[in-house]
N, C-alpha and C. Protein backbone atom coordinates (compact mmCIF):
# COMPACT_ATOMS: atom_id res chain seq x y z
N UNK A 1 -12.31 7.29 -130.69
CA UNK A 1 -13.66 7.08 -130.69
C UNK A 1 -14.58 8.16 -130.75
N UNK A 2 -15.84 7.95 -131.60
CA UNK A 2 -16.41 9.06 -131.52
C UNK A 2 -18.03 8.68 -131.16
N UNK A 3 -18.83 9.64 -130.67
CA UNK A 3 -20.45 9.25 -130.54
C UNK A 3 -21.23 9.95 -131.55
N UNK A 4 -21.73 9.57 -132.10
CA UNK A 4 -22.47 10.45 -133.19
C UNK A 4 -24.16 10.28 -132.62
N UNK A 5 -24.73 11.36 -132.73
CA UNK A 5 -26.11 11.71 -132.15
C UNK A 5 -26.79 12.09 -133.00
N UNK A 6 -27.74 11.45 -133.70
CA UNK A 6 -28.70 11.64 -134.83
C UNK A 6 -30.11 12.02 -134.37
N UNK A 7 -30.66 12.98 -134.78
CA UNK A 7 -32.07 12.98 -134.59
C UNK A 7 -32.65 13.27 -136.22
N UNK A 8 -33.71 12.45 -136.09
CA UNK A 8 -34.43 12.20 -137.49
C UNK A 8 -35.83 12.66 -137.40
N UNK A 9 -36.47 13.59 -138.24
CA UNK A 9 -37.60 13.99 -138.16
C UNK A 9 -38.53 13.98 -139.53
N UNK A 10 -39.79 13.84 -139.30
CA UNK A 10 -40.64 13.66 -140.70
C UNK A 10 -40.42 15.24 -141.08
N UNK A 11 -40.40 15.49 -142.45
CA UNK A 11 -40.34 16.84 -143.06
C UNK A 11 -41.70 17.54 -142.76
N UNK A 12 -41.34 18.93 -142.51
CA UNK A 12 -42.51 19.46 -141.98
C UNK A 12 -43.68 19.60 -143.00
N UNK A 13 -43.37 19.56 -144.29
CA UNK A 13 -44.43 19.49 -145.37
C UNK A 13 -45.20 18.11 -145.33
N UNK A 14 -44.75 17.06 -144.56
CA UNK A 14 -45.32 15.57 -144.87
C UNK A 14 -46.45 15.63 -143.60
N UNK A 15 -47.64 14.69 -143.81
CA UNK A 15 -48.34 14.59 -142.65
C UNK A 15 -47.74 13.55 -141.64
N UNK A 16 -47.85 13.71 -140.33
CA UNK A 16 -47.49 12.98 -139.40
C UNK A 16 -48.37 12.35 -138.77
N UNK A 17 -49.08 11.44 -139.10
CA UNK A 17 -49.92 10.82 -138.32
C UNK A 17 -49.95 10.51 -136.69
N UNK A 18 -48.70 9.68 -136.64
CA UNK A 18 -48.52 9.71 -135.15
C UNK A 18 -48.30 10.78 -134.69
N UNK A 19 -47.58 11.76 -134.61
CA UNK A 19 -47.75 12.96 -134.05
C UNK A 19 -49.17 13.90 -133.92
N UNK A 20 -49.82 13.52 -134.89
CA UNK A 20 -51.08 13.97 -134.43
C UNK A 20 -51.89 13.07 -133.62
N UNK A 21 -51.87 12.01 -133.54
CA UNK A 21 -52.40 11.11 -132.58
C UNK A 21 -52.02 11.60 -131.15
N UNK A 22 -50.55 11.65 -131.11
CA UNK A 22 -50.21 12.16 -129.76
C UNK A 22 -50.69 13.55 -129.17
N UNK A 23 -50.77 14.46 -130.68
CA UNK A 23 -51.41 15.66 -130.03
C UNK A 23 -52.82 15.61 -129.70
N UNK A 24 -53.50 15.00 -130.13
CA UNK A 24 -54.87 14.85 -130.09
C UNK A 24 -55.12 14.32 -128.49
N UNK A 25 -54.44 13.34 -128.20
CA UNK A 25 -54.59 12.82 -126.78
C UNK A 25 -54.01 13.92 -125.70
N UNK A 26 -52.69 14.49 -126.24
CA UNK A 26 -52.30 15.57 -125.33
C UNK A 26 -53.61 16.78 -124.96
N UNK A 27 -53.98 16.99 -126.04
CA UNK A 27 -55.04 18.13 -125.95
C UNK A 27 -56.30 17.36 -125.18
N UNK A 28 -56.85 16.15 -125.26
CA UNK A 28 -57.98 15.65 -124.57
C UNK A 28 -57.41 15.80 -123.10
N UNK A 29 -56.07 15.62 -122.79
CA UNK A 29 -55.56 15.21 -121.12
C UNK A 29 -55.57 16.65 -120.75
N UNK A 30 -56.06 17.95 -121.24
CA UNK A 30 -55.84 19.12 -121.00
C UNK A 30 -54.61 20.03 -121.15
N UNK A 31 -53.85 19.46 -122.13
CA UNK A 31 -52.80 20.29 -122.81
C UNK A 31 -53.16 20.97 -123.97
N UNK A 32 -53.98 21.94 -123.73
CA UNK A 32 -54.47 22.58 -125.05
C UNK A 32 -53.25 23.56 -125.40
N UNK A 33 -52.42 23.97 -124.89
CA UNK A 33 -51.13 24.95 -125.20
C UNK A 33 -50.38 24.22 -126.22
N UNK A 34 -50.42 22.95 -126.21
CA UNK A 34 -49.38 22.23 -127.22
C UNK A 34 -50.17 22.51 -128.28
N UNK A 35 -49.55 23.09 -129.75
CA UNK A 35 -50.08 23.39 -130.61
C UNK A 35 -49.81 22.54 -131.57
N UNK A 36 -48.44 21.98 -131.79
CA UNK A 36 -48.17 21.03 -132.68
C UNK A 36 -47.44 20.02 -132.08
N UNK A 37 -47.44 18.61 -132.99
CA UNK A 37 -46.66 17.52 -132.11
C UNK A 37 -45.92 16.62 -133.35
N UNK A 38 -44.86 16.41 -133.43
CA UNK A 38 -44.33 15.64 -134.62
C UNK A 38 -43.25 14.66 -133.77
N UNK A 39 -43.05 13.67 -134.26
CA UNK A 39 -42.32 12.42 -133.74
C UNK A 39 -41.33 12.08 -134.43
N UNK A 40 -40.24 11.60 -134.09
CA UNK A 40 -38.94 11.56 -134.81
C UNK A 40 -38.23 10.38 -134.09
N UNK A 41 -37.49 10.01 -134.57
CA UNK A 41 -36.21 9.07 -133.92
C UNK A 41 -34.99 9.82 -133.46
N UNK A 42 -34.23 9.03 -132.48
CA UNK A 42 -32.90 9.52 -131.96
C UNK A 42 -32.18 8.31 -132.18
N UNK A 43 -30.89 8.41 -132.43
CA UNK A 43 -30.18 7.27 -132.81
C UNK A 43 -28.77 7.68 -132.25
N UNK A 44 -28.03 6.93 -131.50
CA UNK A 44 -26.65 7.03 -130.99
C UNK A 44 -25.58 6.01 -131.64
N UNK A 45 -24.65 6.19 -132.55
CA UNK A 45 -23.65 5.42 -132.98
C UNK A 45 -22.20 5.83 -131.97
N UNK A 46 -21.62 4.66 -131.76
CA UNK A 46 -20.28 4.65 -131.50
C UNK A 46 -19.30 4.28 -132.63
N UNK A 47 -18.66 5.38 -133.21
CA UNK A 47 -17.69 5.03 -134.21
C UNK A 47 -16.26 5.17 -133.84
N UNK A 48 -15.57 4.27 -134.47
CA UNK A 48 -14.17 4.15 -134.62
C UNK A 48 -13.59 4.76 -135.71
N UNK A 49 -13.39 6.07 -135.43
CA UNK A 49 -12.76 6.69 -136.73
C UNK A 49 -11.47 7.34 -136.23
N UNK A 50 -10.92 7.95 -137.41
CA UNK A 50 -9.61 8.55 -137.03
C UNK A 50 -9.58 10.05 -136.75
N UNK A 51 -10.82 10.68 -137.09
CA UNK A 51 -11.18 12.00 -136.92
C UNK A 51 -12.68 12.18 -136.72
N UNK A 52 -12.90 13.50 -136.53
CA UNK A 52 -14.36 13.78 -136.15
C UNK A 52 -14.82 13.89 -137.65
N UNK A 53 -14.28 14.42 -138.42
CA UNK A 53 -14.65 14.70 -139.97
C UNK A 53 -15.30 13.07 -140.48
N UNK A 54 -14.20 12.27 -140.49
CA UNK A 54 -14.71 10.90 -140.84
C UNK A 54 -15.82 10.31 -140.12
N UNK A 55 -15.89 10.62 -139.01
CA UNK A 55 -17.34 10.14 -137.98
C UNK A 55 -18.40 10.57 -138.40
N UNK A 56 -18.41 12.02 -139.05
CA UNK A 56 -19.36 12.64 -139.60
C UNK A 56 -19.94 12.01 -140.77
N UNK A 57 -18.87 11.75 -141.75
CA UNK A 57 -19.26 11.22 -142.86
C UNK A 57 -19.79 9.86 -142.88
N UNK A 58 -19.05 8.98 -142.05
CA UNK A 58 -19.97 7.76 -141.60
C UNK A 58 -21.22 7.78 -141.26
N UNK A 59 -21.66 8.70 -140.37
CA UNK A 59 -22.75 8.89 -139.75
C UNK A 59 -23.73 9.27 -140.81
N UNK A 60 -23.46 10.45 -141.68
CA UNK A 60 -24.17 10.70 -143.00
C UNK A 60 -24.21 9.76 -143.98
N UNK A 61 -23.54 9.12 -144.23
CA UNK A 61 -23.59 7.74 -145.08
C UNK A 61 -24.66 7.00 -144.62
N UNK A 62 -24.49 6.64 -143.19
CA UNK A 62 -25.54 5.48 -142.75
C UNK A 62 -26.83 5.97 -142.90
N UNK A 63 -27.08 7.57 -142.59
CA UNK A 63 -28.27 8.25 -142.54
C UNK A 63 -28.88 8.05 -143.86
N UNK A 64 -28.19 8.43 -144.94
CA UNK A 64 -28.49 8.47 -146.21
C UNK A 64 -28.95 7.03 -147.08
N UNK A 65 -28.33 5.94 -146.54
CA UNK A 65 -28.39 4.70 -146.95
C UNK A 65 -29.41 3.91 -146.41
N UNK A 66 -29.43 4.02 -145.07
CA UNK A 66 -30.56 3.14 -144.18
C UNK A 66 -31.49 4.00 -142.86
N UNK A 67 -30.78 4.82 -142.30
CA UNK A 67 -31.53 5.26 -141.07
C UNK A 67 -32.56 6.15 -141.30
N UNK A 68 -32.68 6.88 -142.42
CA UNK A 68 -33.58 8.06 -142.67
C UNK A 68 -34.02 7.93 -144.20
N UNK A 69 -35.29 7.80 -144.53
CA UNK A 69 -35.65 8.05 -145.39
C UNK A 69 -35.62 9.53 -146.14
N UNK A 70 -34.87 9.45 -147.42
CA UNK A 70 -34.75 10.69 -147.93
C UNK A 70 -35.63 11.50 -148.51
N UNK A 71 -36.70 10.72 -148.70
CA UNK A 71 -37.96 11.26 -149.09
C UNK A 71 -38.64 11.89 -148.52
N UNK A 72 -38.86 11.75 -147.31
CA UNK A 72 -39.87 12.04 -145.98
C UNK A 72 -39.22 12.44 -144.87
N UNK A 73 -37.78 12.28 -144.58
CA UNK A 73 -37.22 12.70 -143.43
C UNK A 73 -36.20 13.46 -143.51
N UNK A 74 -35.75 14.36 -142.62
CA UNK A 74 -34.70 15.22 -142.38
C UNK A 74 -33.91 14.48 -141.21
N UNK A 75 -32.48 14.86 -141.03
CA UNK A 75 -31.61 14.54 -140.19
C UNK A 75 -30.97 15.50 -139.83
N UNK A 76 -30.31 15.35 -138.30
CA UNK A 76 -29.18 16.30 -138.01
C UNK A 76 -28.32 15.49 -137.03
N UNK A 77 -27.23 15.55 -137.15
CA UNK A 77 -26.04 15.00 -136.59
C UNK A 77 -25.07 15.82 -135.64
N UNK A 78 -24.93 15.27 -134.63
CA UNK A 78 -23.80 15.70 -133.64
C UNK A 78 -22.81 14.87 -133.28
N UNK A 79 -21.62 15.21 -133.58
CA UNK A 79 -20.45 14.44 -133.30
C UNK A 79 -19.66 14.64 -132.17
N UNK A 80 -19.45 13.84 -131.05
CA UNK A 80 -18.43 14.23 -129.72
C UNK A 80 -17.37 13.14 -129.86
N UNK A 81 -16.24 13.67 -129.48
CA UNK A 81 -15.09 12.62 -128.94
C UNK A 81 -15.84 12.04 -127.80
N UNK A 82 -15.39 10.55 -127.68
CA UNK A 82 -16.14 9.84 -126.76
C UNK A 82 -15.32 10.20 -125.39
N UNK A 83 -16.16 10.64 -124.60
CA UNK A 83 -15.48 10.92 -123.14
C UNK A 83 -15.53 12.44 -122.88
N UNK A 84 -15.96 13.25 -123.83
CA UNK A 84 -16.31 14.81 -123.92
C UNK A 84 -16.28 15.13 -125.20
N UNK A 85 -16.89 16.34 -125.59
CA UNK A 85 -17.16 17.20 -126.57
C UNK A 85 -15.62 17.55 -127.13
N UNK A 86 -15.66 17.41 -128.74
CA UNK A 86 -14.55 17.67 -129.57
C UNK A 86 -14.67 18.61 -130.09
């Protein structure tokens, strides 16, 4: 068993209206040192796979086919053997 940890973020060249709204709110609350805010998604998958490579491939396929919008979002994946790092 493997745990796949996936971070999905809007690409840097794409406007992030949700991030801008949060950034504006933070600045109005006195957090003026915060210069940029981007909002993303974090997903964990538990995968029954024979190897770390197989778990990574399944995670990448899931991101490309459903979890991330390939036009607007980038993703990064960390795969760990369940119960500790592999």
